C-alpha atoms as a PDB file:
ATOM      1  CA  MET A   1      -0.052  -0.132   0.017  1.00  0.00           C
ATOM      2  CA  GLY A   2       2.622   2.352   0.890  1.00  0.00           C
ATOM      3  CA  GLU A   3       4.417   1.746  -2.266  1.00  0.00           C
ATOM      4  CA  LYS A   4       1.479   2.636  -4.396  1.00  0.00           C
ATOM      5  CA  ILE A   5       0.986   5.560  -2.580  1.00  0.00           C
ATOM      6  CA  HIS A   6       4.656   6.722  -3.119  1.00  0.00           C
ATOM      7  CA  GLN A   7       4.095   6.091  -6.743  1.00  0.00           C
ATOM      8  CA  ARG A   8       0.620   7.909  -7.366  1.00  0.00           C
ATOM      9  CA  ARG A   9       2.358  10.927  -5.511  1.00  0.00           C
ATOM     10  CA  LYS A  10       5.539  10.600  -7.710  1.00  0.00           C
ATOM     11  CA  GLN A  11       3.074  10.770 -10.915  1.00  0.00           C
ATOM     12  CA  ARG A  12       1.116  13.626  -9.753  1.00  0.00           C
ATOM     13  CA  ARG A  13       4.790  15.433  -9.345  1.00  0.00           C
ATOM     14  CA  LYS A  14       5.323  14.811 -12.718  1.00  0.00           C
ATOM     15  CA  ALA A  15       2.112  16.119 -13.819  1.00  0.00           C
ATOM     16  CA  THR A  16       2.813  19.514 -12.517  1.00  0.00           C
ATOM     17  CA  ILE A  17       6.169  19.974 -14.217  1.00  0.00           C
ATOM     18  CA  ARG A  18       5.875  20.981 -17.523  1.00  0.00           C
ATOM     19  CA  ASP A  19       8.674  20.000 -19.797  1.00  0.00           C
ATOM     20  CA  ALA A  20       8.557  22.367 -22.609  1.00  0.00           C
ATOM     21  CA  GLY A  21      10.957  20.693 -25.063  1.00  0.00           C
ATOM     22  CA  SER A  22      10.379  23.656 -28.125  1.00  0.00           C
ATOM     23  CA  ILE A  23       8.651  26.587 -28.389  1.00  0.00           C
ATOM     24  CA  ALA A  24       5.814  24.718 -30.720  1.00  0.00           C
ATOM     25  CA  ASP A  25       5.300  22.796 -27.274  1.00  0.00           C
ATOM     26  CA  GLU A  26       4.700  25.761 -25.361  1.00  0.00           C
ATOM     27  CA  ARG A  27       2.174  27.222 -27.976  1.00  0.00           C
ATOM     28  CA  PRO A  28      -1.397  26.399 -27.227  1.00  0.00           C
ATOM     29  CA  GLU A  29      -3.287  25.120 -30.587  1.00  0.00           C
ATOM     30  CA  THR A  30      -6.184  27.505 -29.838  1.00  0.00           C
ATOM     31  CA  GLU A  31      -4.355  30.927 -29.649  1.00  0.00           C
ATOM     32  CA  GLU A  32      -5.492  33.291 -32.454  1.00  0.00           C
ATOM     33  CA  GLY A  33      -5.031  36.745 -32.714  1.00  0.00           C
ATOM     34  CA  ARG A  34      -7.855  39.214 -33.649  1.00  0.00           C
ATOM     35  CA  SER A  35      -7.139  38.747 -37.075  1.00  0.00           C
ATOM     36  CA  GLY A  36      -8.341  35.545 -37.136  1.00  0.00           C
ATOM     37  CA  GLY A  37      -5.168  33.534 -38.031  1.00  0.00           C
ATOM     38  CA  LYS A  38      -2.277  32.049 -36.075  1.00  0.00           C
ATOM     39  CA  THR A  39       0.102  34.634 -34.563  1.00  0.00           C
ATOM     40  CA  GLY A  40       3.366  33.982 -32.917  1.00  0.00           C
ATOM     41  CA  THR A  41       4.612  34.443 -29.627  1.00  0.00           C
ATOM     42  CA  LEU A  42       6.030  37.363 -27.913  1.00  0.00           C
ATOM     43  CA  PHE A  43       8.651  35.711 -25.373  1.00  0.00           C
ATOM     44  CA  VAL A  44       9.693  38.593 -22.542  1.00  0.00           C
ATOM     45  CA  VAL A  45      12.924  37.153 -21.536  1.00  0.00           C
ATOM     46  CA  ALA A  46      14.759  38.128 -18.334  1.00  0.00           C
ATOM     47  CA  THR A  47      18.838  38.190 -18.824  1.00  0.00           C
ATOM     48  CA  PRO A  48      21.569  38.059 -15.948  1.00  0.00           C
ATOM     49  CA  ILE A  49      22.055  41.576 -14.537  1.00  0.00           C
ATOM     50  CA  GLY A  50      25.672  40.723 -14.117  1.00  0.00           C
ATOM     51  CA  ASN A  51      26.953  37.011 -13.936  1.00  0.00           C
ATOM     52  CA  LEU A  52      26.128  35.721 -17.275  1.00  0.00           C
ATOM     53  CA  GLU A  53      25.512  32.287 -15.631  1.00  0.00           C
ATOM     54  CA  ASP A  54      22.503  33.360 -14.197  1.00  0.00           C
ATOM     55  CA  ILE A  55      20.115  32.809 -16.787  1.00  0.00           C
ATOM     56  CA  THR A  56      17.766  29.915 -17.235  1.00  0.00           C
ATOM     57  CA  ILE A  57      17.946  26.765 -19.623  1.00  0.00           C
ATOM     58  CA  ARG A  58      14.587  27.947 -20.782  1.00  0.00           C
ATOM     59  CA  ALA A  59      15.860  31.425 -21.815  1.00  0.00           C
ATOM     60  CA  ILE A  60      18.571  29.835 -23.612  1.00  0.00           C
ATOM     61  CA  ARG A  61      16.345  27.859 -25.937  1.00  0.00           C
ATOM     62  CA  VAL A  62      13.964  30.371 -26.567  1.00  0.00           C
ATOM     63  CA  LEU A  63      16.532  32.509 -27.451  1.00  0.00           C
ATOM     64  CA  LYS A  64      17.862  29.942 -29.959  1.00  0.00           C
ATOM     65  CA  GLU A  65      14.356  29.193 -31.307  1.00  0.00           C
ATOM     66  CA  VAL A  66      12.756  32.606 -32.269  1.00  0.00           C
ATOM     67  CA  CYS A  67      12.765  34.166 -35.520  1.00  0.00           C
ATOM     68  CA  LEU A  68      14.481  37.342 -33.981  1.00  0.00           C
ATOM     69  CA  ILE A  69      15.439  38.872 -30.973  1.00  0.00           C
ATOM     70  CA  ALA A  70      14.900  42.507 -30.103  1.00  0.00           C
ATOM     71  CA  ALA A  71      17.235  43.870 -27.573  1.00  0.00           C
ATOM     72  CA  GLU A  72      17.452  47.320 -25.491  1.00  0.00           C
ATOM     73  CA  ASP A  73      21.317  47.312 -26.559  1.00  0.00           C
ATOM     74  CA  THR A  74      22.461  45.326 -29.148  1.00  0.00           C
ATOM     75  CA  ARG A  75      26.245  45.427 -28.353  1.00  0.00           C
ATOM     76  CA  ARG A  76      25.504  44.245 -24.600  1.00  0.00           C
ATOM     77  CA  THR A  77      23.160  41.503 -25.841  1.00  0.00           C
ATOM     78  CA  ARG A  78      25.570  40.084 -28.158  1.00  0.00           C
ATOM     79  CA  ILE A  79      27.951  39.140 -25.300  1.00  0.00           C
ATOM     80  CA  LEU A  80      25.405  37.370 -23.733  1.00  0.00           C
ATOM     81  CA  LEU A  81      24.375  35.842 -27.265  1.00  0.00           C
ATOM     82  CA  ASN A  82      27.816  34.780 -28.042  1.00  0.00           C
ATOM     83  CA  ALA A  83      28.661  33.192 -24.579  1.00  0.00           C
ATOM     84  CA  TYR A  84      25.940  30.598 -25.529  1.00  0.00           C
ATOM     85  CA  GLN A  85      26.316  30.389 -29.124  1.00  0.00           C
ATOM     86  CA  ILE A  86      23.016  31.840 -29.906  1.00  0.00           C
ATOM     87  CA  VAL A  87      22.973  33.080 -33.584  1.00  0.00           C
ATOM     88  CA  THR A  88      19.400  34.422 -33.941  1.00  0.00           C
ATOM     89  CA  PRO A  89      19.065  37.658 -35.846  1.00  0.00           C
ATOM     90  CA  LEU A  90      19.204  40.761 -33.492  1.00  0.00           C
ATOM     91  CA  ILE A  91      17.809  44.297 -33.726  1.00  0.00           C
ATOM     92  CA  SER A  92      17.336  47.140 -31.354  1.00  0.00           C
ATOM     93  CA  LEU A  93      14.574  48.262 -29.467  1.00  0.00           C
ATOM     94  CA  TYR A  94      15.068  51.035 -26.868  1.00  0.00           C
ATOM     95  CA  ASP A  95      13.209  53.684 -25.480  1.00  0.00           C
ATOM     96  CA  HIS A  96      13.276  56.371 -28.270  1.00  0.00           C
ATOM     97  CA  SER A  97      12.520  53.833 -30.871  1.00  0.00           C
ATOM     98  CA  GLU A  98      10.071  51.759 -29.467  1.00  0.00           C
ATOM     99  CA  ALA A  99       7.081  52.879 -30.575  1.00  0.00           C
ATOM    100  CA  LYS A 100       8.715  52.802 -34.185  1.00  0.00           C
ATOM    101  CA  LYS A 101      10.363  49.595 -33.783  1.00  0.00           C
ATOM    102  CA  SER A 102       7.358  47.568 -31.996  1.00  0.00           C
ATOM    103  CA  GLU A 103       5.409  47.970 -35.501  1.00  0.00           C
ATOM    104  CA  LEU A 104       7.844  45.849 -37.297  1.00  0.00           C
ATOM    105  CA  LEU A 105       7.905  43.338 -34.479  1.00  0.00           C
ATOM    106  CA  LEU A 106       4.040  43.126 -34.113  1.00  0.00           C
ATOM    107  CA  ALA A 107       4.003  42.754 -38.038  1.00  0.00           C
ATOM    108  CA  LYS A 108       6.469  39.450 -37.556  1.00  0.00           C
ATOM    109  CA  LEU A 109       4.125  38.357 -34.667  1.00  0.00           C
ATOM    110  CA  GLN A 110       1.013  38.554 -36.762  1.00  0.00           C
ATOM    111  CA  GLU A 111       2.546  36.780 -39.386  1.00  0.00           C
ATOM    112  CA  GLY A 112       3.035  33.765 -37.056  1.00  0.00           C
ATOM    113  CA  LYS A 113       6.651  34.035 -36.265  1.00  0.00           C
ATOM    114  CA  HIS A 114       8.034  34.239 -32.701  1.00  0.00           C
ATOM    115  CA  VAL A 115       9.765  37.098 -31.459  1.00  0.00           C
ATOM    116  CA  ALA A 116      11.875  37.606 -28.025  1.00  0.00           C
ATOM    117  CA  TYR A 117      12.402  40.540 -26.482  1.00  0.00           C
ATOM    118  CA  VAL A 118      15.343  41.373 -23.857  1.00  0.00           C
ATOM    119  CA  SER A 119      16.915  44.590 -21.747  1.00  0.00           C
ATOM    120  CA  ASP A 120      19.893  45.231 -21.310  1.00  0.00           C
ATOM    121  CA  ALA A 121      19.939  43.276 -17.988  1.00  0.00           C
ATOM    122  CA  GLY A 122      17.294  41.866 -15.898  1.00  0.00           C
ATOM    123  CA  THR A 123      13.707  41.580 -16.486  1.00  0.00           C
ATOM    124  CA  PRO A 124      12.002  43.823 -19.611  1.00  0.00           C
ATOM    125  CA  GLY A 125       9.970  46.747 -18.821  1.00  0.00           C
ATOM    126  CA  ILE A 126      10.935  46.918 -15.013  1.00  0.00           C
ATOM    127  CA  SER A 127      12.751  50.568 -15.805  1.00  0.00           C
ATOM    128  CA  ASP A 128      13.323  49.376 -19.032  1.00  0.00           C
ATOM    129  CA  PRO A 129      11.605  49.717 -22.395  1.00  0.00           C
ATOM    130  CA  GLY A 130       9.055  46.945 -23.005  1.00  0.00           C
ATOM    131  CA  TYR A 131       5.512  48.431 -21.969  1.00  0.00           C
ATOM    132  CA  VAL A 132       4.747  49.640 -25.071  1.00  0.00           C
ATOM    133  CA  LEU A 133       5.429  46.415 -27.068  1.00  0.00           C
ATOM    134  CA  VAL A 134       3.906  44.289 -24.582  1.00  0.00           C
ATOM    135  CA  ARG A 135       0.849  46.467 -24.303  1.00  0.00           C
ATOM    136  CA  GLU A 136       0.462  46.551 -27.997  1.00  0.00           C
ATOM    137  CA  ALA A 137       0.655  43.042 -28.147  1.00  0.00           C
ATOM    138  CA  VAL A 138      -1.911  42.092 -25.945  1.00  0.00           C
ATOM    139  CA  LEU A 139      -4.322  44.671 -27.409  1.00  0.00           C
ATOM    140  CA  ARG A 140      -3.895  42.985 -30.824  1.00  0.00           C
ATOM    141  CA  GLY A 141      -4.482  39.529 -29.223  1.00  0.00           C
ATOM    142  CA  ILE A 142      -0.812  38.517 -29.586  1.00  0.00           C
ATOM    143  CA  ARG A 143       0.163  36.033 -26.948  1.00  0.00           C
ATOM    144  CA  VAL A 144       2.844  37.359 -24.595  1.00  0.00           C
ATOM    145  CA  ALA A 145       4.946  34.615 -22.554  1.00  0.00           C
ATOM    146  CA  PRO A 146       6.980  35.431 -19.521  1.00  0.00           C
ATOM    147  CA  VAL A 147      10.404  33.710 -19.314  1.00  0.00           C
ATOM    148  CA  PRO A 148      11.380  34.573 -15.890  1.00  0.00           C
ATOM    149  CA  GLY A 149      14.816  35.151 -14.531  1.00  0.00           C
ATOM    150  CA  ALA A 150      17.029  37.928 -12.744  1.00  0.00           C
ATOM    151  CA  SER A 151      15.288  40.862 -11.443  1.00  0.00           C
ATOM    152  CA  ALA A 152      17.713  43.540  -9.560  1.00  0.00           C
ATOM    153  CA  LEU A 153      15.090  44.580  -7.075  1.00  0.00           C
ATOM    154  CA  ILE A 154      14.157  40.934  -6.110  1.00  0.00           C
ATOM    155  CA  ALA A 155      17.669  40.131  -5.703  1.00  0.00           C
ATOM    156  CA  ALA A 156      18.447  43.044  -3.704  1.00  0.00           C
ATOM    157  CA  LEU A 157      15.395  42.673  -1.589  1.00  0.00           C
ATOM    158  CA  SER A 158      16.177  38.492  -0.850  1.00  0.00           C
ATOM    159  CA  VAL A 159      19.323  39.530   0.863  1.00  0.00           C
ATOM    160  CA  SER A 160      18.362  42.917   2.490  1.00  0.00           C
ATOM    161  CA  GLY A 161      17.254  41.732   5.807  1.00  0.00           C
ATOM    162  CA  LEU A 162      14.294  43.894   5.890  1.00  0.00           C
ATOM    163  CA  PRO A 163      10.637  42.897   5.474  1.00  0.00           C
ATOM    164  CA  MET A 164       9.938  41.193   2.162  1.00  0.00           C
ATOM    165  CA  ASP A 165       6.242  40.036   2.947  1.00  0.00           C
ATOM    166  CA  SER A 166       4.955  43.672   1.811  1.00  0.00           C
ATOM    167  CA  PHE A 167       7.223  46.360  -0.104  1.00  0.00           C
ATOM    168  CA  VAL A 168       6.773  48.886  -3.059  1.00  0.00           C
ATOM    169  CA  PHE A 169       9.095  49.557  -6.010  1.00  0.00           C
ATOM    170  CA  TYR A 170       9.304  53.220  -7.355  1.00  0.00           C
ATOM    171  CA  GLY A 171      11.790  52.586 -10.130  1.00  0.00           C
ATOM    172  CA  PHE A 172      14.493  55.162 -10.598  1.00  0.00           C
ATOM    173  CA  LEU A 173      14.437  58.090  -8.164  1.00  0.00           C
ATOM    174  CA  PRO A 174      13.398  61.811  -9.843  1.00  0.00           C
ATOM    175  CA  ALA A 175      16.972  63.348 -11.235  1.00  0.00           C
ATOM    176  CA  LYS A 176      15.786  66.712 -10.182  1.00  0.00           C
ATOM    177  CA  PRO A 177      16.086  67.263  -6.504  1.00  0.00           C
ATOM    178  CA  ALA A 178      12.884  69.064  -5.881  1.00  0.00           C
ATOM    179  CA  LYS A 179      10.859  66.381  -7.676  1.00  0.00           C
ATOM    180  CA  ARG A 180      12.630  63.822  -5.680  1.00  0.00           C
ATOM    181  CA  ARG A 181      12.572  65.590  -2.519  1.00  0.00           C
ATOM    182  CA  GLN A 182       8.578  65.718  -3.131  1.00  0.00           C
ATOM    183  CA  LEU A 183       8.333  62.166  -3.735  1.00  0.00           C
ATOM    184  CA  LEU A 184      10.568  60.843  -0.542  1.00  0.00           C
ATOM    185  CA  ALA A 185       8.525  63.345   1.413  1.00  0.00           C
ATOM    186  CA  SER A 186       5.189  61.713   0.245  1.00  0.00           C
ATOM    187  CA  LEU A 187       6.403  58.134   1.363  1.00  0.00           C
ATOM    188  CA  LYS A 188       7.594  59.142   4.729  1.00  0.00           C
ATOM    189  CA  GLU A 189       4.361  57.407   6.401  1.00  0.00           C
ATOM    190  CA  GLU A 190       4.670  54.399   4.294  1.00  0.00           C
ATOM    191  CA  GLY A 191       4.840  51.320   6.296  1.00  0.00           C
ATOM    192  CA  ARG A 192       5.830  49.026   3.225  1.00  0.00           C
ATOM    193  CA  THR A 193       9.546  48.494   2.571  1.00  0.00           C
ATOM    194  CA  LEU A 194      10.706  50.879  -0.136  1.00  0.00           C
ATOM    195  CA  ILE A 195      12.764  50.113  -3.201  1.00  0.00           C
ATOM    196  CA  PHE A 196      14.356  52.377  -5.324  1.00  0.00           C
ATOM    197  CA  TYR A 197      17.128  52.322  -8.470  1.00  0.00           C
ATOM    198  CA  GLU A 198      19.491  55.474  -8.512  1.00  0.00           C
ATOM    199  CA  SER A 199      22.379  56.493 -10.489  1.00  0.00           C
ATOM    200  CA  PRO A 200      25.647  56.127  -8.775  1.00  0.00           C
ATOM    201  CA  ARG A 201      26.544  59.784  -9.549  1.00  0.00           C
ATOM    202  CA  ARG A 202      22.999  61.065  -7.533  1.00  0.00           C
ATOM    203  CA  LEU A 203      23.410  58.296  -4.487  1.00  0.00           C
ATOM    204  CA  LEU A 204      24.746  60.575  -1.891  1.00  0.00           C
ATOM    205  CA  SER A 205      22.395  63.262  -2.777  1.00  0.00           C
ATOM    206  CA  SER A 206      19.577  61.136  -2.505  1.00  0.00           C
ATOM    207  CA  LEU A 207      20.768  59.459   0.557  1.00  0.00           C
ATOM    208  CA  ASN A 208      20.966  62.847   2.192  1.00  0.00           C
ATOM    209  CA  ASP A 209      17.395  63.433   1.272  1.00  0.00           C
ATOM    210  CA  ILE A 210      16.146  60.078   2.811  1.00  0.00           C
ATOM    211  CA  GLU A 211      17.461  60.844   6.100  1.00  0.00           C
ATOM    212  CA  GLU A 212      16.252  64.372   6.340  1.00  0.00           C
ATOM    213  CA  LEU A 213      13.180  63.661   4.790  1.00  0.00           C
ATOM    214  CA  MET A 214      12.314  60.449   6.223  1.00  0.00           C
ATOM    215  CA  GLY A 215      14.611  60.013   9.185  1.00  0.00           C
ATOM    216  CA  ASP A 216      17.714  57.820  10.070  1.00  0.00           C
ATOM    217  CA  ARG A 217      15.783  54.519   9.277  1.00  0.00           C
ATOM    218  CA  GLU A 218      17.395  50.996   8.517  1.00  0.00           C
ATOM    219  CA  MET A 219      18.519  50.384   4.470  1.00  0.00           C
ATOM    220  CA  VAL A 220      20.503  48.753   2.372  1.00  0.00           C
ATOM    221  CA  VAL A 221      22.503  50.152  -0.558  1.00  0.00           C
ATOM    222  CA  SER A 222      23.141  47.274  -3.239  1.00  0.00           C
ATOM    223  CA  ARG A 223      25.773  47.800  -5.836  1.00  0.00           C
ATOM    224  CA  GLU A 224      27.211  45.477  -8.768  1.00  0.00           C
ATOM    225  CA  MET A 225      25.001  42.625  -7.590  1.00  0.00           C
ATOM    226  CA  THR A 226      26.388  39.078  -9.182  1.00  0.00           C
ATOM    227  CA  LYS A 227      29.610  40.795 -10.475  1.00  0.00           C
ATOM    228  CA  ILE A 228      33.120  40.888  -9.182  1.00  0.00           C
ATOM    229  CA  TYR A 229      32.511  43.838  -6.984  1.00  0.00           C
ATOM    230  CA  GLU A 230      29.469  43.025  -5.537  1.00  0.00           C
ATOM    231  CA  GLU A 231      28.784  45.246  -2.216  1.00  0.00           C
ATOM    232  CA  PHE A 232      26.022  45.812   0.196  1.00  0.00           C
ATOM    233  CA  LEU A 233      25.981  48.519   2.734  1.00  0.00           C
ATOM    234  CA  ARG A 234      23.597  48.029   5.387  1.00  0.00           C
ATOM    235  CA  GLY A 235      22.575  50.189   8.495  1.00  0.00           C
ATOM    236  CA  PRO A 236      21.162  53.215   9.403  1.00  0.00           C
ATOM    237  CA  VAL A 237      21.140  55.610   6.486  1.00  0.00           C
ATOM    238  CA  SER A 238      23.367  58.083   8.535  1.00  0.00           C
ATOM    239  CA  GLN A 239      25.868  55.237   8.570  1.00  0.00           C
ATOM    240  CA  VAL A 240      25.469  54.257   4.901  1.00  0.00           C
ATOM    241  CA  ILE A 241      26.199  57.983   4.248  1.00  0.00           C
ATOM    242  CA  ALA A 242      29.610  57.889   6.503  1.00  0.00           C
ATOM    243  CA  GLY A 243      30.562  54.741   4.755  1.00  0.00           C
ATOM    244  CA  LEU A 244      30.455  56.374   1.469  1.00  0.00           C
ATOM    245  CA  GLU A 245      32.105  59.635   2.110  1.00  0.00           C
ATOM    246  CA  GLY A 246      34.985  60.035  -0.112  1.00  0.00           C
ATOM    247  CA  VAL A 247      34.022  57.048  -1.969  1.00  0.00           C
ATOM    248  CA  THR A 248      33.779  56.983  -5.973  1.00  0.00           C
ATOM    249  CA  VAL A 249      30.601  55.044  -6.575  1.00  0.00           C
ATOM    250  CA  ARG A 250      30.231  52.966  -9.758  1.00  0.00           C
ATOM    251  CA  GLY A 251      27.686  50.603 -11.251  1.00  0.00           C
ATOM    252  CA  GLU A 252      24.219  49.737 -10.978  1.00  0.00           C
ATOM    253  CA  VAL A 253      22.502  50.853  -7.202  1.00  0.00           C
ATOM    254  CA  THR A 254      19.581  49.582  -5.880  1.00  0.00           C
ATOM    255  CA  LEU A 255      18.329  51.072  -2.578  1.00  0.00           C
ATOM    256  CA  ILE A 256      16.089  48.970  -0.091  1.00  0.00           C
ATOM    257  CA  VAL A 257      14.586  51.406   2.700  1.00  0.00           C
ATOM    258  CA  ALA A 258      12.818  49.917   5.577  1.00  0.00           C
ATOM    259  CA  GLY A 259       9.300  51.366   5.817  1.00  0.00           C
ATOM    260  CA  ARG A 260       7.904  53.316   8.576  1.00  0.00           C
ATOM    261  CA  ALA A 261       7.547  51.337  11.772  1.00  0.00           C
ATOM    262  CA  GLY A 262       3.823  50.992  12.923  1.00  0.00           C
ATOM    263  CA  ASP A 263       4.434  52.391  16.270  1.00  0.00           C
ATOM    264  CA  THR A 264       6.775  55.602  15.232  1.00  0.00           C
ATOM    265  CA  GLU A 265       5.558  58.923  16.721  1.00  0.00           C
ATOM    266  CA  ARG A 266       5.437  61.788  15.082  1.00  0.00           C
ATOM    267  CA  TYR A 267       7.709  64.392  16.531  1.00  0.00           C
ATOM    268  CA  SER A 268       6.969  68.158  16.545  1.00  0.00           C
ATOM    269  CA  ASP A 269       9.785  70.804  16.980  1.00  0.00           C
ATOM    270  CA  GLU A 270       8.566  71.648  20.348  1.00  0.00           C
ATOM    271  CA  GLU A 271       8.649  67.789  21.484  1.00  0.00           C
ATOM    272  CA  LEU A 272      12.318  67.586  19.998  1.00  0.00           C
ATOM    273  CA  LEU A 273      13.284  70.830  21.723  1.00  0.00           C
ATOM    274  CA  ARG A 274      11.867  69.304  24.982  1.00  0.00           C
ATOM    275  CA  ARG A 275      13.777  66.359  24.650  1.00  0.00           C
ATOM    276  CA  LEU A 276      17.024  67.910  23.721  1.00  0.00           C
ATOM    277  CA  GLY A 277      16.397  70.123  27.148  1.00  0.00           C
ATOM    278  CA  GLN A 278      16.380  66.877  29.086  1.00  0.00           C
ATOM    279  CA  LEU A 279      19.616  65.412  27.605  1.00  0.00           C
ATOM    280  CA  ARG A 280      21.339  68.766  28.101  1.00  0.00           C
ATOM    281  CA  ARG A 281      20.798  68.027  31.888  1.00  0.00           C
ATOM    282  CA  GLU A 282      22.951  64.860  31.304  1.00  0.00           C
ATOM    283  CA  ASP A 283      26.503  65.209  32.360  1.00  0.00           C
ATOM    284  CA  GLY A 284      29.259  64.644  29.629  1.00  0.00           C
ATOM    285  CA  LEU A 285      26.703  64.592  26.560  1.00  0.00           C
ATOM    286  CA  SER A 286      28.368  66.661  23.666  1.00  0.00           C
ATOM    287  CA  LEU A 287      25.972  67.526  20.801  1.00  0.00           C
ATOM    288  CA  ARG A 288      26.735  64.934  18.774  1.00  0.00           C
ATOM    289  CA  ASP A 289      26.097  62.689  21.787  1.00  0.00           C
ATOM    290  CA  MET A 290      22.630  64.176  22.044  1.00  0.00           C
ATOM    291  CA  ALA A 291      21.866  64.018  18.351  1.00  0.00           C
ATOM    292  CA  ASP A 292      22.995  60.270  17.872  1.00  0.00           C
ATOM    293  CA  ARG A 293      20.876  59.827  21.248  1.00  0.00           C
ATOM    294  CA  LEU A 294      17.816  61.418  19.966  1.00  0.00           C
ATOM    295  CA  ALA A 295      17.970  59.954  16.546  1.00  0.00           C
ATOM    296  CA  GLN A 296      18.123  56.699  17.856  1.00  0.00           C
ATOM    297  CA  ASP A 297      15.129  56.927  19.964  1.00  0.00           C
ATOM    298  CA  THR A 298      12.858  58.928  17.655  1.00  0.00           C
ATOM    299  CA  GLY A 299      13.997  58.046  14.095  1.00  0.00           C
ATOM    300  CA  VAL A 300      14.210  61.601  13.178  1.00  0.00           C
ATOM    301  CA  SER A 301      17.101  62.441  10.795  1.00  0.00           C
ATOM    302  CA  ARG A 302      20.379  63.779  12.491  1.00  0.00           C
ATOM    303  CA  ARG A 303      20.276  66.954  10.099  1.00  0.00           C
ATOM    304  CA  ARG A 304      17.076  68.088  11.773  1.00  0.00           C
ATOM    305  CA  ILE A 305      18.303  67.634  15.126  1.00  0.00           C
ATOM    306  CA  TYR A 306      21.422  69.452  14.438  1.00  0.00           C
ATOM    307  CA  ARG A 307      19.258  72.167  13.291  1.00  0.00           C
ATOM    308  CA  LEU A 308      17.305  72.544  16.294  1.00  0.00           C
ATOM    309  CA  LEU A 309      20.437  72.157  18.477  1.00  0.00           C
ATOM    310  CA  LEU A 310      22.216  75.171  16.652  1.00  0.00           C
ATOM    311  CA  PHE A 311      19.326  77.448  15.672  1.00  0.00           C
ATOM    312  CA  PRO A 312      16.519  76.455  18.114  1.00  0.00           C
END
């Protein structure tokens, strides 16, 4: 009896695993476009974010079998294709050409040809081109199939040590300081973990804005993930800023910022000044000691506390 149960469970497990040997095996026979004829499939293929080994077996097969690969940057994609002996024709599809080039790809799909789209790195459409192409394919009744894989935001979150059960991704922080500060200020009370992409050139400016507008909360700066110089800086925002002073940051950067704790209070200037008055009565505390103590107790940024200390 035990052996029969084991065999049935084994058969059920096999039935749930789909082994698609080719693109033809993946395509439902009933899939038709709005024109009434058979259409091809648009495969949205995730590619490595750094280490070329981080590509799936299925992604390699799909890229070999489609009629055409559209890529955000053909030069970078060519490196990946050469590494896996993929000789499929390649064309570019980047932000400024997406609307125009999408028509060419959609025409091929409507002819019944299969097409793959890849971005520079990671999953297409996630702070990368791809949205226009996918939207138009869906509107025209063309099958769109994901080929899952690497994503910088998920990779960074998975090793952050911050809550992962609920999070929100905002893509790249605005380049203009005023718009960036406006966004960060609007997120001060957000309780979910926050994820941003940022340019290495603007990293310190953005971190200073986060500390000032959101408080000295826990965060992680993820840099060059899966590459030789992979680095994770963890700690309160002020500590991360101190660790980056005088450092030339290069490469892709992902920021994971803790959400507001549920029991965090709002502190007015009057309340902070009252607490600073109490700290002043303690012997041996420097201004820095008082700022550190109050920031730790309240989550308020050290910049704001120093402003109150110096200009009450």
